PDB file of N, CA and C in Angstrom:
ATOM      1  N   MET A   1    -173.563 -38.173-121.235  1.00  0.00           N
ATOM      2  CA  MET A   1    -172.169 -37.818-121.189  1.00  0.00           C
ATOM      3  C   MET A   1    -171.413 -38.652-122.230  1.00  0.00           C
ATOM      4  N   ASN A   2    -170.751 -37.991-123.129  1.00  0.00           N
ATOM      5  CA  ASN A   2    -169.957 -38.658-124.159  1.00  0.00           C
ATOM      6  C   ASN A   2    -168.511 -38.771-123.712  1.00  0.00           C
ATOM      7  N   LEU A   3    -168.037 -39.998-123.655  1.00  0.00           N
ATOM      8  CA  LEU A   3    -166.640 -40.227-123.301  1.00  0.00           C
ATOM      9  C   LEU A   3    -165.846 -40.436-124.578  1.00  0.00           C
ATOM     10  N   THR A   4    -164.686 -39.855-124.613  1.00  0.00           N
ATOM     11  CA  THR A   4    -163.829 -40.029-125.780  1.00  0.00           C
ATOM     12  C   THR A   4    -163.229 -41.429-125.761  1.00  0.00           C
ATOM     13  N   PRO A   5    -162.823 -41.934-126.922  1.00  0.00           N
ATOM     14  CA  PRO A   5    -162.172 -43.257-126.945  1.00  0.00           C
ATOM     15  C   PRO A   5    -160.956 -43.327-126.028  1.00  0.00           C
ATOM     16  N   GLU A   6    -160.230 -42.225-125.896  1.00  0.00           N
ATOM     17  CA  GLU A   6    -159.046 -42.213-125.031  1.00  0.00           C
ATOM     18  C   GLU A   6    -159.429 -42.404-123.565  1.00  0.00           C
ATOM     19  N   VAL A   7    -160.514 -41.758-123.158  1.00  0.00           N
ATOM     20  CA  VAL A   7    -160.982 -41.885-121.771  1.00  0.00           C
ATOM     21  C   VAL A   7    -161.485 -43.312-121.525  1.00  0.00           C
ATOM     22  N   ILE A   8    -162.210 -43.848-122.482  1.00  0.00           N
ATOM     23  CA  ILE A   8    -162.713 -45.219-122.356  1.00  0.00           C
ATOM     24  C   ILE A   8    -161.549 -46.198-122.219  1.00  0.00           C
ATOM     25  N   ARG A   9    -160.519 -46.027-123.040  1.00  0.00           N
ATOM     26  CA  ARG A   9    -159.351 -46.912-122.988  1.00  0.00           C
ATOM     27  C   ARG A   9    -158.615 -46.756-121.655  1.00  0.00           C
ATOM     28  N   GLN A  10    -158.542 -45.536-121.141  1.00  0.00           N
ATOM     29  CA  GLN A  10    -157.898 -45.314-119.839  1.00  0.00           C
ATOM     30  C   GLN A  10    -158.665 -46.037-118.742  1.00  0.00           C
ATOM     31  N   HIS A  11    -159.990 -45.958-118.799  1.00  0.00           N
ATOM     32  CA  HIS A  11    -160.803 -46.684-117.811  1.00  0.00           C
ATOM     33  C   HIS A  11    -160.554 -48.184-117.911  1.00  0.00           C
ATOM     34  N   GLY A  12    -160.429 -48.689-119.146  1.00  0.00           N
ATOM     35  CA  GLY A  12    -160.151 -50.115-119.342  1.00  0.00           C
ATOM     36  C   GLY A  12    -158.813 -50.516-118.742  1.00  0.00           C
ATOM     37  N   ALA A  13    -157.788 -49.688-118.966  1.00  0.00           N
ATOM     38  CA  ALA A  13    -156.455 -49.984-118.422  1.00  0.00           C
ATOM     39  C   ALA A  13    -156.486 -49.990-116.891  1.00  0.00           C
ATOM     40  N   GLU A  14    -157.191 -49.024-116.317  1.00  0.00           N
ATOM     41  CA  GLU A  14    -157.301 -48.969-114.857  1.00  0.00           C
ATOM     42  C   GLU A  14    -158.052 -50.179-114.313  1.00  0.00           C
ATOM     43  N   GLU A  15    -159.098 -50.584-115.017  1.00  0.00           N
ATOM     44  CA  GLU A  15    -159.880 -51.738-114.568  1.00  0.00           C
ATOM     45  C   GLU A  15    -159.042 -53.016-114.617  1.00  0.00           C
ATOM     46  N   LEU A  16    -158.243 -53.172-115.665  1.00  0.00           N
ATOM     47  CA  LEU A  16    -157.380 -54.357-115.749  1.00  0.00           C
ATOM     48  C   LEU A  16    -156.394 -54.393-114.585  1.00  0.00           C
ATOM     49  N   GLU A  17    -155.866 -53.241-114.208  1.00  0.00           N
ATOM     50  CA  GLU A  17    -154.945 -53.206-113.066  1.00  0.00           C
ATOM     51  C   GLU A  17    -155.664 -53.599-111.772  1.00  0.00           C
ATOM     52  N   ASP A  18    -156.886 -53.113-111.606  1.00  0.00           N
ATOM     53  CA  ASP A  18    -157.669 -53.498-110.429  1.00  0.00           C
ATOM     54  C   ASP A  18    -157.937 -55.005-110.426  1.00  0.00           C
ATOM     55  N   LEU A  19    -158.256 -55.548-111.596  1.00  0.00           N
ATOM     56  CA  LEU A  19    -158.517 -56.987-111.690  1.00  0.00           C
ATOM     57  C   LEU A  19    -157.259 -57.799-111.411  1.00  0.00           C
ATOM     58  N   ARG A  20    -156.094 -57.306-111.848  1.00  0.00           N
ATOM     59  CA  ARG A  20    -154.832 -57.999-111.532  1.00  0.00           C
ATOM     60  C   ARG A  20    -154.643 -58.073-110.013  1.00  0.00           C
ATOM     61  N   SER A  21    -154.952 -56.988-109.336  1.00  0.00           N
ATOM     62  CA  SER A  21    -154.847 -56.993-107.873  1.00  0.00           C
ATOM     63  C   SER A  21    -155.812 -57.999-107.262  1.00  0.00           C
ATOM     64  N   ARG A  22    -157.025 -58.048-107.798  1.00  0.00           N
ATOM     65  CA  ARG A  22    -158.031 -58.974-107.277  1.00  0.00           C
ATOM     66  C   ARG A  22    -157.573 -60.423-107.477  1.00  0.00           C
ATOM     67  N   ILE A  23    -157.028 -60.716-108.645  1.00  0.00           N
ATOM     68  CA  ILE A  23    -156.524 -62.064-108.919  1.00  0.00           C
ATOM     69  C   ILE A  23    -155.422 -62.416-107.929  1.00  0.00           C
ATOM     70  N   GLY A  24    -154.571 -61.445-107.624  1.00  0.00           N
ATOM     71  CA  GLY A  24    -153.522 -61.671-106.632  1.00  0.00           C
ATOM     72  C   GLY A  24    -154.097 -62.029-105.273  1.00  0.00           C
ATOM     73  N   LEU A  25    -155.170 -61.374-104.893  1.00  0.00           N
ATOM     74  CA  LEU A  25    -155.826 -61.689-103.616  1.00  0.00           C
ATOM     75  C   LEU A  25    -156.453 -63.078-103.648  1.00  0.00           C
ATOM     76  N   TRP A  26    -157.075 -63.412-104.773  1.00  0.00           N
ATOM     77  CA  TRP A  26    -157.647 -64.753-104.907  1.00  0.00           C
ATOM     78  C   TRP A  26    -156.553 -65.803-104.768  1.00  0.00           C
ATOM     79  N   LYS A  27    -155.433 -65.556-105.466  1.00  0.00           N
ATOM     80  CA  LYS A  27    -154.334 -66.525-105.415  1.00  0.00           C
ATOM     81  C   LYS A  27    -153.822 -66.676-103.985  1.00  0.00           C
ATOM     82  N   GLU A  28    -153.659 -65.581-103.276  1.00  0.00           N
ATOM     83  CA  GLU A  28    -153.206 -65.648-101.885  1.00  0.00           C
ATOM     84  C   GLU A  28    -154.161 -66.478-101.041  1.00  0.00           C
ATOM     85  N   ASP A  29    -155.462 -66.315-101.283  1.00  0.00           N
ATOM     86  CA  ASP A  29    -156.447 -67.093-100.541  1.00  0.00           C
ATOM     87  C   ASP A  29    -156.294 -68.582-100.843  1.00  0.00           C
ATOM     88  N   PHE A  30    -156.163 -68.921-102.122  1.00  0.00           N
ATOM     89  CA  PHE A  30    -155.988 -70.327-102.476  1.00  0.00           C
ATOM     90  C   PHE A  30    -154.670 -70.882-101.936  1.00  0.00           C
ATOM     91  N   LEU A  31    -153.606 -70.070-101.966  1.00  0.00           N
ATOM     92  CA  LEU A  31    -152.323 -70.522-101.425  1.00  0.00           C
ATOM     93  C   LEU A  31    -152.441 -70.843 -99.937  1.00  0.00           C
ATOM     94  N   SER A  32    -153.249 -70.074 -99.241  1.00  0.00           N
ATOM     95  CA  SER A  32    -153.395 -70.288 -97.793  1.00  0.00           C
ATOM     96  C   SER A  32    -154.188 -71.557 -97.471  1.00  0.00           C
ATOM     97  N   GLN A  33    -154.891 -72.096 -98.466  1.00  0.00           N
ATOM     98  CA  GLN A  33    -155.727 -73.268 -98.238  1.00  0.00           C
ATOM     99  C   GLN A  33    -155.000 -74.599 -98.468  1.00  0.00           C
ATOM    100  N   GLY A  34    -153.831 -74.536 -99.099  1.00  0.00           N
ATOM    101  CA  GLY A  34    -153.103 -75.771 -99.374  1.00  0.00           C
ATOM    102  C   GLY A  34    -151.639 -75.637 -99.008  1.00  0.00           C
ATOM    103  N   PRO A  35    -151.080 -76.645 -98.378  1.00  0.00           N
ATOM    104  CA  PRO A  35    -149.677 -76.582 -97.962  1.00  0.00           C
ATOM    105  C   PRO A  35    -148.727 -76.706 -99.155  1.00  0.00           C
ATOM    106  N   ALA A  36    -147.567 -76.107 -99.025  1.00  0.00           N
ATOM    107  CA  ALA A  36    -146.530 -76.251-100.057  1.00  0.00           C
ATOM    108  C   ALA A  36    -146.236 -77.731-100.245  1.00  0.00           C
ATOM    109  N   GLY A  37    -146.240 -78.156-101.503  1.00  0.00           N
ATOM    110  CA  GLY A  37    -145.970 -79.554-101.796  1.00  0.00           C
ATOM    111  C   GLY A  37    -147.085 -80.493-101.388  1.00  0.00           C
ATOM    112  N   GLY A  38    -148.268 -79.963-101.173  1.00  0.00           N
ATOM    113  CA  GLY A  38    -149.398 -80.766-100.688  1.00  0.00           C
ATOM    114  C   GLY A  38    -149.796 -81.921-101.582  1.00  0.00           C
ATOM    115  N   GLY A  39    -149.501 -81.801-102.869  1.00  0.00           N
ATOM    116  CA  GLY A  39    -149.748 -82.914-103.776  1.00  0.00           C
ATOM    117  C   GLY A  39    -151.103 -82.899-104.455  1.00  0.00           C
ATOM    118  N   PRO A  40    -151.331 -83.935-105.243  1.00  0.00           N
ATOM    119  CA  PRO A  40    -152.531 -84.017-106.090  1.00  0.00           C
ATOM    120  C   PRO A  40    -153.863 -83.941-105.350  1.00  0.00           C
ATOM    121  N   GLU A  41    -153.873 -84.299-104.064  1.00  0.00           N
ATOM    122  CA  GLU A  41    -155.152 -84.238-103.355  1.00  0.00           C
ATOM    123  C   GLU A  41    -155.656 -82.798-103.205  1.00  0.00           C
ATOM    124  N   TYR A  42    -154.809 -81.825-103.524  1.00  0.00           N
ATOM    125  CA  TYR A  42    -155.206 -80.418-103.453  1.00  0.00           C
ATOM    126  C   TYR A  42    -155.509 -79.821-104.837  1.00  0.00           C
ATOM    127  N   ILE A  43    -155.620 -80.682-105.841  1.00  0.00           N
ATOM    128  CA  ILE A  43    -155.877 -80.191-107.201  1.00  0.00           C
ATOM    129  C   ILE A  43    -157.210 -79.456-107.283  1.00  0.00           C
ATOM    130  N   PHE A  44    -158.124 -79.778-106.383  1.00  0.00           N
ATOM    131  CA  PHE A  44    -159.417 -79.089-106.386  1.00  0.00           C
ATOM    132  C   PHE A  44    -159.250 -77.581-106.237  1.00  0.00           C
ATOM    133  N   LEU A  45    -158.182 -77.145-105.548  1.00  0.00           N
ATOM    134  CA  LEU A  45    -157.940 -75.711-105.407  1.00  0.00           C
ATOM    135  C   LEU A  45    -157.644 -75.077-106.764  1.00  0.00           C
ATOM    136  N   CYS A  46    -156.848 -75.751-107.573  1.00  0.00           N
ATOM    137  CA  CYS A  46    -156.537 -75.247-108.917  1.00  0.00           C
ATOM    138  C   CYS A  46    -157.797 -75.219-109.778  1.00  0.00           C
ATOM    139  N   LYS A  47    -158.594 -76.265-109.665  1.00  0.00           N
ATOM    140  CA  LYS A  47    -159.839 -76.321-110.442  1.00  0.00           C
ATOM    141  C   LYS A  47    -160.805 -75.228-109.997  1.00  0.00           C
ATOM    142  N   ASP A  48    -160.896 -74.992-108.688  1.00  0.00           N
ATOM    143  CA  ASP A  48    -161.778 -73.934-108.192  1.00  0.00           C
ATOM    144  C   ASP A  48    -161.303 -72.556-108.638  1.00  0.00           C
ATOM    145  N   PHE A  49    -159.986 -72.325-108.598  1.00  0.00           N
ATOM    146  CA  PHE A  49    -159.410 -71.057-109.026  1.00  0.00           C
ATOM    147  C   PHE A  49    -159.716 -70.832-110.510  1.00  0.00           C
ATOM    148  N   THR A  50    -159.503 -71.863-111.321  1.00  0.00           N
ATOM    149  CA  THR A  50    -159.800 -71.773-112.748  1.00  0.00           C
ATOM    150  C   THR A  50    -161.278 -71.494-112.977  1.00  0.00           C
ATOM    151  N   ALA A  51    -162.141 -72.155-112.222  1.00  0.00           N
ATOM    152  CA  ALA A  51    -163.588 -71.963-112.376  1.00  0.00           C
ATOM    153  C   ALA A  51    -163.989 -70.523-112.048  1.00  0.00           C
ATOM    154  N   GLU A  52    -163.371 -69.942-111.029  1.00  0.00           N
ATOM    155  CA  GLU A  52    -163.682 -68.555-110.685  1.00  0.00           C
ATOM    156  C   GLU A  52    -163.260 -67.608-111.803  1.00  0.00           C
ATOM    157  N   ILE A  53    -162.096 -67.858-112.366  1.00  0.00           N
ATOM    158  CA  ILE A  53    -161.635 -67.035-113.486  1.00  0.00           C
ATOM    159  C   ILE A  53    -162.605 -67.160-114.658  1.00  0.00           C
ATOM    160  N   ASP A  54    -162.963 -68.393-114.981  1.00  0.00           N
ATOM    161  CA  ASP A  54    -163.865 -68.637-116.112  1.00  0.00           C
ATOM    162  C   ASP A  54    -165.255 -68.043-115.883  1.00  0.00           C
ATOM    163  N   GLU A  55    -165.751 -68.171-114.669  1.00  0.00           N
ATOM    164  CA  GLU A  55    -167.117 -67.737-114.379  1.00  0.00           C
ATOM    165  C   GLU A  55    -167.251 -66.233-114.184  1.00  0.00           C
ATOM    166  N   TYR A  56    -166.296 -65.636-113.494  1.00  0.00           N
ATOM    167  CA  TYR A  56    -166.432 -64.230-113.126  1.00  0.00           C
ATOM    168  C   TYR A  56    -165.620 -63.275-114.000  1.00  0.00           C
ATOM    169  N   LEU A  57    -164.405 -63.646-114.341  1.00  0.00           N
ATOM    170  CA  LEU A  57    -163.555 -62.701-115.057  1.00  0.00           C
ATOM    171  C   LEU A  57    -163.704 -62.759-116.571  1.00  0.00           C
ATOM    172  N   TYR A  58    -163.752 -63.961-117.126  1.00  0.00           N
ATOM    173  CA  TYR A  58    -163.801 -64.065-118.576  1.00  0.00           C
ATOM    174  C   TYR A  58    -164.982 -63.302-119.181  1.00  0.00           C
ATOM    175  N   PRO A  59    -166.216 -63.466-118.675  1.00  0.00           N
ATOM    176  CA  PRO A  59    -167.330 -62.711-119.263  1.00  0.00           C
ATOM    177  C   PRO A  59    -167.146 -61.194-119.125  1.00  0.00           C
ATOM    178  N   TYR A  60    -166.574 -60.771-118.012  1.00  0.00           N
ATOM    179  CA  TYR A  60    -166.347 -59.345-117.789  1.00  0.00           C
ATOM    180  C   TYR A  60    -165.314 -58.801-118.766  1.00  0.00           C
ATOM    181  N   VAL A  61    -164.249 -59.545-118.952  1.00  0.00           N
ATOM    182  CA  VAL A  61    -163.194 -59.125-119.889  1.00  0.00           C
ATOM    183  C   VAL A  61    -163.751 -59.112-121.316  1.00  0.00           C
ATOM    184  N   ARG A  62    -164.541 -60.114-121.654  1.00  0.00           N
ATOM    185  CA  ARG A  62    -165.160 -60.144-122.988  1.00  0.00           C
ATOM    186  C   ARG A  62    -166.020 -58.892-123.205  1.00  0.00           C
ATOM    187  N   ARG A  63    -166.763 -58.515-122.193  1.00  0.00           N
ATOM    188  CA  ARG A  63    -167.604 -57.310-122.293  1.00  0.00           C
ATOM    189  C   ARG A  63    -166.743 -56.055-122.431  1.00  0.00           C
ATOM    190  N   MET A  64    -165.605 -56.023-121.780  1.00  0.00           N
ATOM    191  CA  MET A  64    -164.707 -54.873-121.914  1.00  0.00           C
ATOM    192  C   MET A  64    -164.187 -54.741-123.347  1.00  0.00           C
ATOM    193  N   ILE A  65    -163.998 -55.865-124.024  1.00  0.00           N
ATOM    194  CA  ILE A  65    -163.606 -55.824-125.440  1.00  0.00           C
ATOM    195  C   ILE A  65    -164.763 -55.263-126.264  1.00  0.00           C
ATOM    196  N   GLU A  66    -165.963 -55.775-126.022  1.00  0.00           N
ATOM    197  CA  GLU A  66    -167.137 -55.358-126.789  1.00  0.00           C
ATOM    198  C   GLU A  66    -167.434 -53.871-126.649  1.00  0.00           C
ATOM    199  N   THR A  67    -167.079 -53.292-125.517  1.00  0.00           N
ATOM    200  CA  THR A  67    -167.332 -51.869-125.280  1.00  0.00           C
ATOM    201  C   THR A  67    -166.108 -51.005-125.567  1.00  0.00           C
ATOM    202  N   ASP A  68    -165.099 -51.615-126.188  1.00  0.00           N
ATOM    203  CA  ASP A  68    -163.880 -50.902-126.604  1.00  0.00           C
ATOM    204  C   ASP A  68    -163.070 -50.331-125.445  1.00  0.00           C
ATOM    205  N   HIS A  69    -163.215 -50.926-124.271  1.00  0.00           N
ATOM    206  CA  HIS A  69    -162.385 -50.510-123.142  1.00  0.00           C
ATOM    207  C   HIS A  69    -160.982 -51.099-123.246  1.00  0.00           C
ATOM    208  N   ILE A  70    -160.882 -52.291-123.834  1.00  0.00           N
ATOM    209  CA  ILE A  70    -159.583 -52.931-124.044  1.00  0.00           C
ATOM    210  C   ILE A  70    -159.592 -53.596-125.416  1.00  0.00           C
ATOM    211  N   THR A  71    -158.392 -53.910-125.898  1.00  0.00           N
ATOM    212  CA  THR A  71    -158.263 -54.618-127.174  1.00  0.00           C
ATOM    213  C   THR A  71    -158.271 -56.123-126.922  1.00  0.00           C
ATOM    214  N   LYS A  72    -158.433 -56.874-127.991  1.00  0.00           N
ATOM    215  CA  LYS A  72    -158.371 -58.335-127.878  1.00  0.00           C
ATOM    216  C   LYS A  72    -157.006 -58.768-127.376  1.00  0.00           C
ATOM    217  N   GLU A  73    -155.968 -58.070-127.800  1.00  0.00           N
ATOM    218  CA  GLU A  73    -154.608 -58.409-127.360  1.00  0.00           C
ATOM    219  C   GLU A  73    -154.450 -58.177-125.856  1.00  0.00           C
ATOM    220  N   GLU A  74    -154.986 -57.059-125.374  1.00  0.00           N
ATOM    221  CA  GLU A  74    -154.915 -56.784-123.938  1.00  0.00           C
ATOM    222  C   GLU A  74    -155.693 -57.840-123.151  1.00  0.00           C
ATOM    223  N   ALA A  75    -156.845 -58.226-123.674  1.00  0.00           N
ATOM    224  CA  ALA A  75    -157.645 -59.259-123.015  1.00  0.00           C
ATOM    225  C   ALA A  75    -156.889 -60.577-122.969  1.00  0.00           C
ATOM    226  N   SER A  76    -156.259 -60.928-124.082  1.00  0.00           N
ATOM    227  CA  SER A  76    -155.499 -62.172-124.144  1.00  0.00           C
ATOM    228  C   SER A  76    -154.349 -62.159-123.149  1.00  0.00           C
ATOM    229  N   GLU A  77    -153.630 -61.058-123.090  1.00  0.00           N
ATOM    230  CA  GLU A  77    -152.524 -60.934-122.127  1.00  0.00           C
ATOM    231  C   GLU A  77    -153.034 -61.049-120.696  1.00  0.00           C
ATOM    232  N   PHE A  78    -154.172 -60.424-120.423  1.00  0.00           N
ATOM    233  CA  PHE A  78    -154.723 -60.482-119.071  1.00  0.00           C
ATOM    234  C   PHE A  78    -155.152 -61.895-118.707  1.00  0.00           C
ATOM    235  N   MET A  79    -155.845 -62.562-119.617  1.00  0.00           N
ATOM    236  CA  MET A  79    -156.295 -63.926-119.330  1.00  0.00           C
ATOM    237  C   MET A  79    -155.090 -64.857-119.167  1.00  0.00           C
ATOM    238  N   ASP A  80    -154.050 -64.662-119.963  1.00  0.00           N
ATOM    239  CA  ASP A  80    -152.824 -65.442-119.779  1.00  0.00           C
ATOM    240  C   ASP A  80    -152.252 -65.219-118.379  1.00  0.00           C
ATOM    241  N   PHE A  81    -152.253 -63.965-117.941  1.00  0.00           N
ATOM    242  CA  PHE A  81    -151.791 -63.632-116.595  1.00  0.00           C
ATOM    243  C   PHE A  81    -152.609 -64.406-115.554  1.00  0.00           C
ATOM    244  N   CYS A  82    -153.924 -64.420-115.736  1.00  0.00           N
ATOM    245  CA  CYS A  82    -154.803 -65.112-114.778  1.00  0.00           C
ATOM    246  C   CYS A  82    -154.465 -66.592-114.685  1.00  0.00           C
ATOM    247  N   TYR A  83    -154.344 -67.225-115.845  1.00  0.00           N
ATOM    248  CA  TYR A  83    -154.082 -68.668-115.836  1.00  0.00           C
ATOM    249  C   TYR A  83    -152.660 -68.992-115.369  1.00  0.00           C
ATOM    250  N   ARG A  84    -151.733 -68.055-115.529  1.00  0.00           N
ATOM    251  CA  ARG A  84    -150.389 -68.256-114.954  1.00  0.00           C
ATOM    252  C   ARG A  84    -150.464 -68.305-113.426  1.00  0.00           C
ATOM    253  N   GLN A  85    -151.399 -67.553-112.855  1.00  0.00           N
ATOM    254  CA  GLN A  85    -151.561 -67.580-111.400  1.00  0.00           C
ATOM    255  C   GLN A  85    -152.014 -68.962-110.941  1.00  0.00           C
ATOM    256  N   VAL A  86    -152.860 -69.599-111.735  1.00  0.00           N
ATOM    257  CA  VAL A  86    -153.295 -70.967-111.418  1.00  0.00           C
ATOM    258  C   VAL A  86    -152.097 -71.904-111.489  1.00  0.00           C
ATOM    259  N   LEU A  87    -151.264 -71.721-112.503  1.00  0.00           N
ATOM    260  CA  LEU A  87    -150.071 -72.571-112.627  1.00  0.00           C
ATOM    261  C   LEU A  87    -149.117 -72.360-111.458  1.00  0.00           C
ATOM    262  N   GLU A  88    -149.004 -71.133-110.995  1.00  0.00           N
ATOM    263  CA  GLU A  88    -148.158 -70.864-109.824  1.00  0.00           C
ATOM    264  C   GLU A  88    -148.733 -71.539-108.578  1.00  0.00           C
ATOM    265  N   LEU A  89    -150.047 -71.539-108.452  1.00  0.00           N
ATOM    266  CA  LEU A  89    -150.686 -72.249-107.345  1.00  0.00           C
ATOM    267  C   LEU A  89    -150.369 -73.738-107.435  1.00  0.00           C
ATOM    268  N   ALA A  90    -150.507 -74.302-108.628  1.00  0.00           N
ATOM    269  CA  ALA A  90    -150.217 -75.731-108.825  1.00  0.00           C
ATOM    270  C   ALA A  90    -148.770 -76.035-108.466  1.00  0.00           C
ATOM    271  N   GLU A  91    -147.862 -75.166-108.876  1.00  0.00           N
ATOM    272  CA  GLU A  91    -146.444 -75.367-108.553  1.00  0.00           C
ATOM    273  C   GLU A  91    -146.238 -75.361-107.047  1.00  0.00           C
ATOM    274  N   HIS A  92    -146.869 -74.420-106.367  1.00  0.00           N
ATOM    275  CA  HIS A  92    -146.780 -74.337-104.909  1.00  0.00           C
ATOM    276  C   HIS A  92    -147.257 -75.641-104.262  1.00  0.00           C
ATOM    277  N   LEU A  93    -148.317 -76.201-104.837  1.00  0.00           N
ATOM    278  CA  LEU A  93    -148.898 -77.426-104.284  1.00  0.00           C
ATOM    279  C   LEU A  93    -148.156 -78.689-104.705  1.00  0.00           C
ATOM    280  N   GLY A  94    -147.163 -78.524-105.586  1.00  0.00           N
ATOM    281  CA  GLY A  94    -146.407 -79.678-106.043  1.00  0.00           C
ATOM    282  C   GLY A  94    -147.157 -80.497-107.095  1.00  0.00           C
ATOM    283  N   ILE A  95    -148.058 -79.838-107.806  1.00  0.00           N
ATOM    284  CA  ILE A  95    -148.837 -80.508-108.851  1.00  0.00           C
ATOM    285  C   ILE A  95    -148.196 -80.192-110.193  1.00  0.00           C
ATOM    286  N   GLU A  96    -147.800 -81.220-110.905  1.00  0.00           N
ATOM    287  CA  GLU A  96    -147.073 -81.015-112.161  1.00  0.00           C
ATOM    288  C   GLU A  96    -147.988 -80.777-113.351  1.00  0.00           C
ATOM    289  N   GLU A  97    -149.173 -81.367-113.320  1.00  0.00           N
ATOM    290  CA  GLU A  97    -150.077 -81.242-114.456  1.00  0.00           C
ATOM    291  C   GLU A  97    -151.485 -81.071-113.948  1.00  0.00           C
ATOM    292  N   ILE A  98    -152.175 -80.101-114.546  1.00  0.00           N
ATOM    293  CA  ILE A  98    -153.555 -79.837-114.142  1.00  0.00           C
ATOM    294  C   ILE A  98    -154.477 -80.343-115.253  1.00  0.00           C
ATOM    295  N   PRO A  99    -155.246 -81.387-114.989  1.00  0.00           N
ATOM    296  CA  PRO A  99    -156.199 -81.851-116.004  1.00  0.00           C
ATOM    297  C   PRO A  99    -157.430 -80.926-116.016  1.00  0.00           C
ATOM    298  N   TYR A 100    -157.703 -80.344-117.154  1.00  0.00           N
ATOM    299  CA  TYR A 100    -158.853 -79.416-117.237  1.00  0.00           C
ATOM    300  C   TYR A 100    -160.045 -80.094-117.813  1.00  0.00           C
TER     301      TYR A 100
END
C-alpha cells in the first residue's frame, strides 16, 4: 500500500496530538506524587519525567522525522512542549532550577 506524503504527514500530526495527551497524563501522574511546594527533595520526580521523555519519546520522534511523518521544526516544537511540562512540574514542586 502506497501512502501519499499528505497522508503520511496527517498520520504524523495525529500521532503528535496523541503524544501530547500522553505527556499530559504523565505530568498528572508526576504531579500527584509530589505536594505543591514540596521542595528540592522531590527533584527526583523532574529527573524521572525527563528520563522518560528522553528514553521513550525522543527516539520515537526522531524516527517520525526519518520517515517524513513530521518535520524537524515540528519535532523541535513537540520536544520543547515536553520539556515545558517538566518545568511546570518543577514549578509546582517549588523547584527553581533543575540540574540536568
